[in-house]
Protein backbone atom coordinates (compact mmCIF):
# COMPACT_ATOMS: atom_id res chain seq x y z
CA MET A 1 -81.38 68.82 -5.04
CA ASN A 2 -79.85 66.62 -2.28
CA GLU A 3 -82.27 64.75 -0.03
CA LYS A 4 -82.37 66.07 3.54
CA HIS A 5 -81.00 63.91 6.34
CA HIS A 6 -83.67 62.62 8.71
CA ILE A 7 -83.10 63.37 12.42
CA LEU A 8 -85.06 62.06 15.42
CA ALA A 9 -85.05 64.41 18.46
CA VAL A 10 -86.01 62.80 21.79
CA ASP A 11 -86.74 65.01 24.83
CA ASP A 12 -89.45 65.06 27.49
CA GLU A 13 -89.47 68.88 27.51
CA PRO A 14 -91.63 70.27 24.65
CA LEU A 15 -89.76 73.59 24.85
CA ASN A 16 -86.46 71.87 23.98
CA LEU A 17 -88.10 70.17 21.00
CA ASP A 18 -89.49 73.52 19.83
CA ILE A 19 -85.99 75.04 20.01
CA LEU A 20 -84.51 72.16 18.02
CA LYS A 21 -87.26 72.47 15.44
CA GLU A 22 -86.61 76.19 14.99
CA LEU A 23 -82.86 75.67 14.63
CA LEU A 24 -82.85 72.62 12.35
CA GLU A 25 -86.04 72.34 10.30
CA GLU A 26 -84.64 74.27 7.31
CA GLU A 27 -81.70 71.90 6.88
CA TYR A 28 -83.08 68.54 8.06
CA ASP A 29 -86.23 66.44 8.11
CA LEU A 30 -87.23 66.16 11.76
CA SER A 31 -89.22 63.68 13.85
CA PHE A 32 -89.89 63.99 17.58
CA ALA A 33 -90.42 61.74 20.58
CA THR A 34 -90.90 62.49 24.28
CA THR A 35 -90.10 59.08 25.82
CA GLY A 36 -87.56 56.32 25.34
CA GLU A 37 -90.26 53.82 24.45
CA GLU A 38 -91.63 56.08 21.72
CA CYS A 39 -88.09 56.53 20.36
CA ILE A 40 -87.59 52.75 20.02
CA THR A 41 -90.97 52.34 18.34
CA LEU A 42 -90.18 55.07 15.79
CA THR A 43 -86.76 53.57 14.94
CA ASN A 44 -88.39 50.21 14.26
CA ASN A 45 -90.59 51.78 11.58
CA THR A 46 -88.47 54.63 10.19
CA SER A 47 -84.89 55.01 9.00
CA PHE A 48 -83.02 57.86 10.69
CA ASP A 49 -79.61 59.37 9.92
CA LEU A 50 -79.10 60.68 13.47
CA ILE A 51 -80.75 60.64 16.91
CA LEU A 52 -80.52 63.58 19.35
CA LEU A 53 -81.20 61.79 22.63
CA ASP A 54 -81.88 63.36 26.04
CA VAL A 55 -80.19 61.42 28.87
CA GLY A 56 -82.73 62.20 31.59
CA LEU A 57 -85.89 60.72 30.09
CA PRO A 58 -88.69 59.45 32.35
CA GLY A 59 -89.06 55.69 32.46
CA LEU A 60 -86.51 54.24 30.02
CA SER A 61 -83.46 56.54 30.30
CA GLY A 62 -81.48 57.85 27.35
CA LEU A 63 -78.54 55.55 28.21
CA ASP A 64 -80.85 52.48 28.23
CA VAL A 65 -82.43 53.53 24.94
CA CYS A 66 -78.99 53.87 23.37
CA LYS A 67 -77.89 50.42 24.57
CA LYS A 68 -81.07 48.81 23.15
CA LEU A 69 -80.60 50.52 19.79
CA LYS A 70 -76.95 49.42 19.61
CA GLU A 71 -77.91 45.82 20.41
CA ASP A 72 -80.35 45.74 17.48
CA THR A 73 -78.59 45.11 14.16
CA SER A 74 -81.22 47.16 12.32
CA THR A 75 -80.53 50.31 14.38
CA GLN A 76 -76.98 49.91 15.69
CA GLU A 77 -75.47 52.00 12.88
CA ILE A 78 -77.57 55.10 13.66
CA PRO A 79 -75.26 57.71 15.25
CA ILE A 80 -76.52 59.00 18.60
CA ILE A 81 -75.63 62.37 20.13
CA PHE A 82 -76.58 62.72 23.79
CA VAL A 83 -78.10 66.03 24.90
CA SER A 84 -77.94 66.64 28.65
CA ALA A 85 -77.24 69.15 31.41
CA LEU A 86 -74.95 66.53 33.04
CA THR A 87 -71.45 67.55 31.99
CA SER A 88 -68.91 65.67 34.12
CA THR A 89 -66.32 63.41 32.46
CA LYS A 90 -67.80 60.38 34.24
CA GLU A 91 -71.26 61.10 32.80
CA ARG A 92 -69.80 61.73 29.36
CA LEU A 93 -67.93 58.41 29.47
CA ALA A 94 -71.16 56.67 30.50
CA GLY A 95 -72.72 57.99 27.30
CA PHE A 96 -69.69 56.90 25.28
CA ASN A 97 -69.78 53.39 26.78
CA ALA A 98 -73.50 53.12 26.02
CA GLY A 99 -72.66 53.64 22.33
CA GLY A 100 -73.10 57.41 21.93
CA GLN A 101 -70.98 59.14 19.32
CA ASP A 102 -70.89 62.59 20.91
CA TYR A 103 -72.26 64.76 23.72
CA ILE A 104 -73.88 68.23 23.72
CA ASN A 105 -74.47 70.23 26.90
CA LYS A 106 -77.73 71.94 27.75
CA PRO A 107 -78.46 74.73 27.14
CA PHE A 108 -76.89 74.00 23.75
CA ASN A 109 -74.90 76.43 21.69
CA LYS A 110 -76.46 76.82 18.22
CA ASN A 111 -73.14 76.72 16.32
CA GLU A 112 -71.81 73.76 18.30
CA LEU A 113 -75.07 71.87 17.82
CA LYS A 114 -75.11 72.37 14.05
CA ALA A 115 -71.40 71.58 13.69
CA LYS A 116 -71.66 68.30 15.62
CA ILE A 117 -74.80 67.24 13.75
CA GLN A 118 -73.14 67.95 10.40
CA LEU A 119 -70.02 66.02 11.41
CA SER A 120 -72.08 63.04 12.61
CA VAL A 121 -74.20 62.76 9.47
CA GLU A 122 -71.08 63.09 7.31
CA ILE A 123 -69.42 60.26 9.25
CA LYS A 124 -72.62 58.19 8.90
CA SER A 125 -72.58 58.75 5.15
CA LYS A 126 -68.94 57.70 4.93
CA ILE A 127 -69.64 54.59 6.98
CA LEU A 128 -72.53 53.70 4.67
CA ASP A 129 -70.26 54.13 1.66
CA LEU A 130 -67.63 51.98 3.36
CA ASN A 131 -70.19 49.29 4.17
CA LYS A 132 -71.36 49.22 0.54
CA ASN A 133 -67.84 48.46 -0.63
CA VAL A 134 -66.58 46.43 2.33
CA GLN A 135 -67.36 43.07 0.75
CA TYR A 136 -65.47 43.93 -2.43
CA ALA A 137 -62.60 45.57 -0.53
CA THR A 138 -62.30 42.65 1.88
CA GLY A 139 -62.28 40.11 -0.95
CA THR A 140 -59.61 42.04 -2.81
CA ALA A 141 -57.51 42.39 0.33
CA MET A 142 -57.74 38.68 1.11
CA ILE A 143 -56.66 37.76 -2.43
CA ALA A 144 -53.71 40.16 -2.26
CA MET A 145 -52.62 38.77 1.11
CA SER A 146 -53.39 35.12 0.42
CA SER A 147 -49.70 34.16 0.07
CA ALA A 148 -48.53 35.93 3.21
CA GLY A 149 -51.72 36.03 5.26
CA GLU A 150 -53.01 38.93 7.32
CA LEU A 151 -49.64 39.32 9.00
CA GLY A 152 -48.31 40.59 5.67
CA VAL A 153 -49.92 43.96 6.37
CA VAL A 154 -48.12 44.28 9.70
CA LEU A 155 -44.80 43.07 8.26
CA HIS A 156 -45.08 45.61 5.45
CA PHE A 157 -45.70 48.36 8.01
CA LEU A 158 -42.67 47.28 10.06
CA ARG A 159 -40.46 47.57 6.97
CA GLU A 160 -41.96 50.94 6.00
CA SER A 161 -41.65 52.30 9.54
CA PHE A 162 -37.84 52.39 9.25
CA LEU A 163 -38.19 54.95 6.45
CA CYS A 164 -40.28 57.34 8.57
CA LYS A 165 -38.52 60.58 9.55
CA THR A 166 -41.30 62.21 11.62
CA LEU A 167 -43.87 61.08 14.18
CA ALA A 168 -46.75 62.18 11.92
CA GLU A 169 -45.37 60.06 9.09
CA LEU A 170 -45.13 57.05 11.43
CA ILE A 171 -48.79 57.46 12.44
CA ALA A 172 -49.85 57.81 8.79
CA LYS A 173 -48.16 54.51 7.88
CA ALA A 174 -49.89 52.75 10.80
CA LEU A 175 -53.29 54.18 9.80
CA ASP A 176 -52.70 52.92 6.24
CA ALA A 177 -52.11 49.43 7.64
CA LEU A 178 -55.29 49.53 9.74
CA GLU A 179 -57.26 50.81 6.76
CA GLN A 180 -56.22 47.70 4.82
CA TYR A 181 -58.11 45.70 7.46
CA GLY A 182 -61.16 47.95 6.89
CA LEU A 183 -60.73 49.52 10.35
CA SER A 184 -61.47 53.18 11.10
CA SER A 185 -58.97 54.27 13.75
CA THR A 186 -57.31 57.05 15.71
CA ILE A 187 -53.71 56.81 16.99
CA GLN A 188 -52.08 58.87 19.72
CA LEU A 189 -48.31 59.01 20.37
CA ARG A 190 -47.46 60.37 23.82
CA THR A 191 -44.03 61.98 24.26
CA LYS A 192 -42.46 64.11 26.99
CA LYS A 193 -43.00 67.26 24.92
CA GLU A 194 -46.44 66.66 23.39
CA ASN A 195 -49.20 64.20 22.50
CA ILE A 196 -49.78 63.74 18.77
CA THR A 197 -53.25 62.45 17.82
CA ILE A 198 -54.21 61.64 14.21
CA GLY A 199 -57.14 59.61 12.90
CA HIS A 200 -58.93 58.58 9.73
CA ASP A 201 -61.61 61.21 10.50
CA ALA A 202 -60.49 64.80 9.94
CA LYS A 203 -62.29 66.00 13.10
CA MET A 204 -62.36 64.10 16.38
CA PRO A 205 -64.84 64.56 19.25
CA LYS A 206 -63.47 66.01 22.45
CA LEU A 207 -64.58 62.86 24.21
CA GLU A 208 -61.99 60.83 22.28
CA TYR A 209 -59.20 62.98 23.69
CA GLU A 210 -60.64 62.50 27.18
CA LEU A 211 -60.77 58.77 26.58
CA PHE A 212 -57.07 58.68 25.59
CA GLU A 213 -56.16 60.49 28.83
CA LEU A 214 -58.24 58.05 30.89
CA VAL A 215 -56.78 54.94 29.25
CA ALA A 216 -53.18 56.20 29.41
CA SER A 217 -53.29 56.11 33.22
CA SER A 218 -54.60 52.52 33.36
CA ASP A 219 -52.70 49.24 33.31
CA CYS A 220 -55.19 47.39 31.09
CA ARG A 221 -53.93 46.62 27.57
CA ILE A 222 -57.25 46.39 25.71
CA HIS A 223 -60.56 48.11 26.49
CA SER A 224 -63.63 47.11 24.47
CA PHE A 225 -67.08 48.75 24.41
CA GLY A 226 -69.43 47.86 21.59
CA THR A 227 -67.70 48.07 18.24
CA ARG A 228 -64.95 50.23 19.72
CA SER A 229 -61.70 48.85 21.12
CA ILE A 230 -58.76 50.81 22.48
CA PHE A 231 -55.25 49.30 22.65
CA ASN A 232 -53.03 50.78 25.36
CA PHE A 233 -49.32 50.30 24.60
CA ASN A 234 -48.34 53.57 26.26
CA PRO A 235 -46.80 55.73 24.79
CA VAL A 236 -48.78 54.29 21.81
CA ILE A 237 -52.60 54.21 22.05
CA ILE A 238 -54.81 52.96 19.20
CA LEU A 239 -58.58 53.47 19.11
CA VAL A 240 -60.47 51.28 16.62
CA LYS A 241 -64.08 52.37 16.07
CA ASN A 242 -65.56 49.55 13.99
CA MET A 243 -64.33 46.20 15.28
CA PRO A 244 -66.23 43.29 13.63
CA THR A 245 -68.15 42.18 16.74
CA ASP A 246 -70.33 39.85 14.64
CA ASP A 247 -67.27 37.74 13.69
CA GLU A 248 -65.38 36.58 16.77
CA ALA A 249 -62.65 34.83 14.78
CA LEU A 250 -61.89 37.88 12.63
CA MET A 251 -62.02 40.19 15.66
CA GLY A 252 -59.53 37.95 17.48
CA ARG A 253 -57.11 38.08 14.54
CA HIS A 254 -57.49 41.85 14.36
CA ARG A 255 -56.65 42.14 18.05
CA ASP A 256 -53.48 40.07 17.62
CA ASN A 257 -52.34 42.00 14.56
CA ILE A 258 -53.09 45.39 16.13
CA ALA A 259 -51.08 44.39 19.21
CA ILE A 260 -48.09 43.54 17.00
CA LEU A 261 -48.60 46.77 15.09
CA ALA A 262 -48.65 48.77 18.35
CA GLU A 263 -45.44 47.12 19.57
CA GLY A 264 -43.80 47.93 16.22
CA ILE A 265 -44.85 51.57 16.52
CA GLN A 266 -43.57 51.58 20.10
CA ALA A 267 -40.13 50.29 19.05
CA ARG A 268 -39.79 52.67 16.12
CA LEU A 269 -41.00 55.61 18.23
CA GLY A 270 -38.12 55.18 20.68
CA ALA A 271 -35.53 55.11 17.90
CA LEU A 272 -37.16 58.01 16.06
CA LEU A 273 -37.27 60.20 19.17
CA LEU A 274 -33.56 59.46 19.71
CA GLN A 275 -32.78 60.41 16.09
CA ILE A 276 -34.74 63.64 16.47
CA GLU A 277 -32.91 64.45 19.70
CA VAL A 278 -29.50 63.72 18.12
CA ALA A 279 -30.36 65.88 15.12
CA HIS A 280 -31.40 68.70 17.45
CA LYS A 281 -28.18 68.45 19.45
CA LYS A 282 -26.17 68.35 16.24
CA GLU A 283 -27.90 71.54 15.11
CA LEU A 284 -27.07 73.19 18.43
CA LEU A 285 -23.44 72.07 18.11
CA TRP A 286 -23.19 73.57 14.62
CA HIS A 287 -24.49 76.82 16.10
CA VAL A 288 -21.81 76.72 18.81
CA ILE A 289 -19.15 75.99 16.17
CA GLU A 290 -20.25 78.96 14.09
CA LYS A 291 -20.09 81.24 17.12
CA THR A 292 -16.67 79.83 18.08
CA GLU A 293 -15.33 80.35 14.56
CA GLY A 294 -16.54 83.94 14.70
CA ALA A 295 -14.75 84.45 18.01
CA LEU A 296 -11.54 82.88 16.66
CA LYS A 297 -11.69 85.17 13.63
CA LYS A 298 -11.95 88.18 15.91
CA ILE A 299 -9.03 86.88 18.03
CA THR A 300 -6.91 86.43 14.89
CA GLN A 301 -7.71 89.95 13.76
CA TYR A 302 -6.85 91.24 17.22
CA HIS A 303 -3.46 89.45 17.13
CA GLU A 304 -2.73 90.93 13.72
CA ARG A 305 -3.44 94.41 15.03
CA GLN A 306 -1.30 93.69 18.09
CA GLN A 307 1.55 92.49 15.88
CA LEU A 308 1.42 95.69 13.87
CA ALA A 309 1.27 97.82 17.00
CA GLN A 310 4.15 95.87 18.56
CA SER A 311 6.27 96.28 15.43
CA GLU A 312 5.62 100.00 15.46
CA LEU A 313 6.50 100.21 19.16
CA MET A 314 9.74 98.28 18.64
CA ASP A 315 10.72 100.54 15.76
CA GLY A 316 9.88 103.60 17.85
CA LEU A 317 11.85 102.28 20.80
CA SER A 318 14.92 101.63 18.64
CA ASP A 319 14.73 105.13 17.15
CA LYS A 320 14.24 106.63 20.60
CA MET A 321 17.29 104.83 22.00
CA GLU A 322 19.48 105.98 19.08
CA GLU A 323 18.21 109.50 19.54
CA THR A 324 18.93 109.38 23.29
CA PHE A 325 22.46 108.06 22.74
CA GLN A 326 23.10 110.84 20.21
CA GLU A 327 21.86 113.52 22.61
CA MET A 328 24.05 112.14 25.38
CA GLN A 329 27.12 112.20 23.11
CA ASN A 330 26.30 115.75 22.03
CA SER A 331 26.20 116.70 25.69
CA GLY A 332 29.57 115.06 26.32
CA ILE A 333 28.09 112.07 28.09
CA TYR A 334 29.47 108.76 26.97
CA LEU A 335 28.42 105.34 28.23
CA ARG A 336 30.94 102.65 28.63
CA GLU A 337 30.50 99.63 26.37
CA GLU A 338 29.36 97.42 29.24
CA GLU A 339 26.77 100.05 30.26
CA GLU A 340 25.36 100.15 26.72
CA GLU A 341 25.16 96.34 26.68
CA GLN A 342 23.33 96.31 30.03
CA LEU A 343 20.81 98.86 28.73
CA ILE A 344 20.22 96.86 25.56
CA LYS A 345 19.83 93.62 27.56
CA ALA A 346 17.32 95.29 29.89
CA THR A 347 15.28 96.45 26.90
CA GLN A 348 15.39 93.01 25.30
CA SER A 349 14.29 91.39 28.59
CA VAL A 350 11.05 93.35 28.27
CA ILE A 351 10.58 92.84 24.52
CA GLU A 352 11.19 89.06 24.41
CA PRO A 353 8.34 88.05 26.82
CA ILE A 354 5.94 90.25 24.91
CA THR A 355 6.98 88.62 21.62
CA LYS A 356 6.67 85.15 23.16
CA LEU A 357 3.15 85.89 24.42
CA TYR A 358 2.18 86.94 20.91
CA GLN A 359 3.67 83.78 19.37
CA ASP A 360 1.92 81.61 22.00
CA GLY A 361 -1.38 83.30 21.15
CA LEU A 362 -0.89 82.53 17.46
CA GLU A 363 -0.09 78.88 18.23
CA LEU A 364 -3.18 78.57 20.46
CA GLY A 365 -5.34 80.05 17.70
CA ASP A 366 -3.93 77.53 15.21
CA GLN A 367 -4.67 74.66 17.60
CA LEU A 368 -8.25 75.84 18.14
CA ASN A 369 -8.78 76.18 14.40
CA SER A 370 -7.45 72.65 13.91
CA ILE A 371 -9.84 71.33 16.60
CA MET A 372 -12.79 73.10 14.99
CA THR A 373 -11.89 71.60 11.60
CA ASP A 374 -11.80 68.10 13.13
CA ILE A 375 -15.20 68.59 14.84
CA LYS A 376 -16.80 69.85 11.63
CA GLY A 377 -15.35 66.92 9.70
CA THR A 378 -16.79 64.47 12.27
CA LEU A 379 -20.26 66.05 12.17
CA SER A 380 -20.28 66.08 8.38
């Protein structure tokens, strides 16, 4: 049987603690505190997998408690979810800047509360697993890159980026590069049609999306708060969640490499969007060509029917004229030769323009078909 995760709930209202106990005690081991000072004391003596922290505590506020816990290396890895009736974006960002992982509004929704707790403890478990292997992974990575240095990761990404056919594939390649540095990240590409956001974590807190929107409107390139750093190369924004703040030299190299990576994504994004637009226009042009070919086919069929009808009319007119001449002769009416010639010329003066119009139509159809063939050949 799996060991239950241990959660510390901190709230100065006993009723709120009773509600949390009723909702969570079957799935988690629970501890409770009613002040910020008591919370800090408990964390010094007990290991917790998650802290549910009220913002509006008497004395030491929830934000101050969070900052103190994040400054202490023994407690800085404990995920903290703020619980508060304060719901504005500014207040949420204050919690995020203090080191909080997520935010739940009071009165809390049971399903939302359980889902966010489960997500946070899962992330904590993954981080613990990552930390257990980070020394081995880092050593292996350094050996593999010893000949080319850390820039080799970025250079490899730049080469691979030219093979990407979609925006999602481009983000995936960039995340692979960041993962080689041991960095957990989320990348957002902002286009005129949509914003595409993909990260190492399958689910992302709503606050991260709000943070991307806030940073996108600023002129600052790099924002740092705790172990998180966000790189703004709009339309490319990269959020790194576990910068090595205990190693200034390594963090500086990471910043330089991520900046190069972001500029590479930025350059490839422009070319890729152009390729996508060209492909879309090409598809539209093929559609127009197909419709035009259908229209030309109908025109050709119409001309063929007209030719047949014209031939029948000409034959009928010739027969009618012979019949009329015969009737006139039977009635003793004879036309002089020059009168017959004038009548024939008058008839031909009507027939010849009609025939020419038909021939011109055929020639125009041939020219259009030739143009369509050239366009299709060019597109192919």
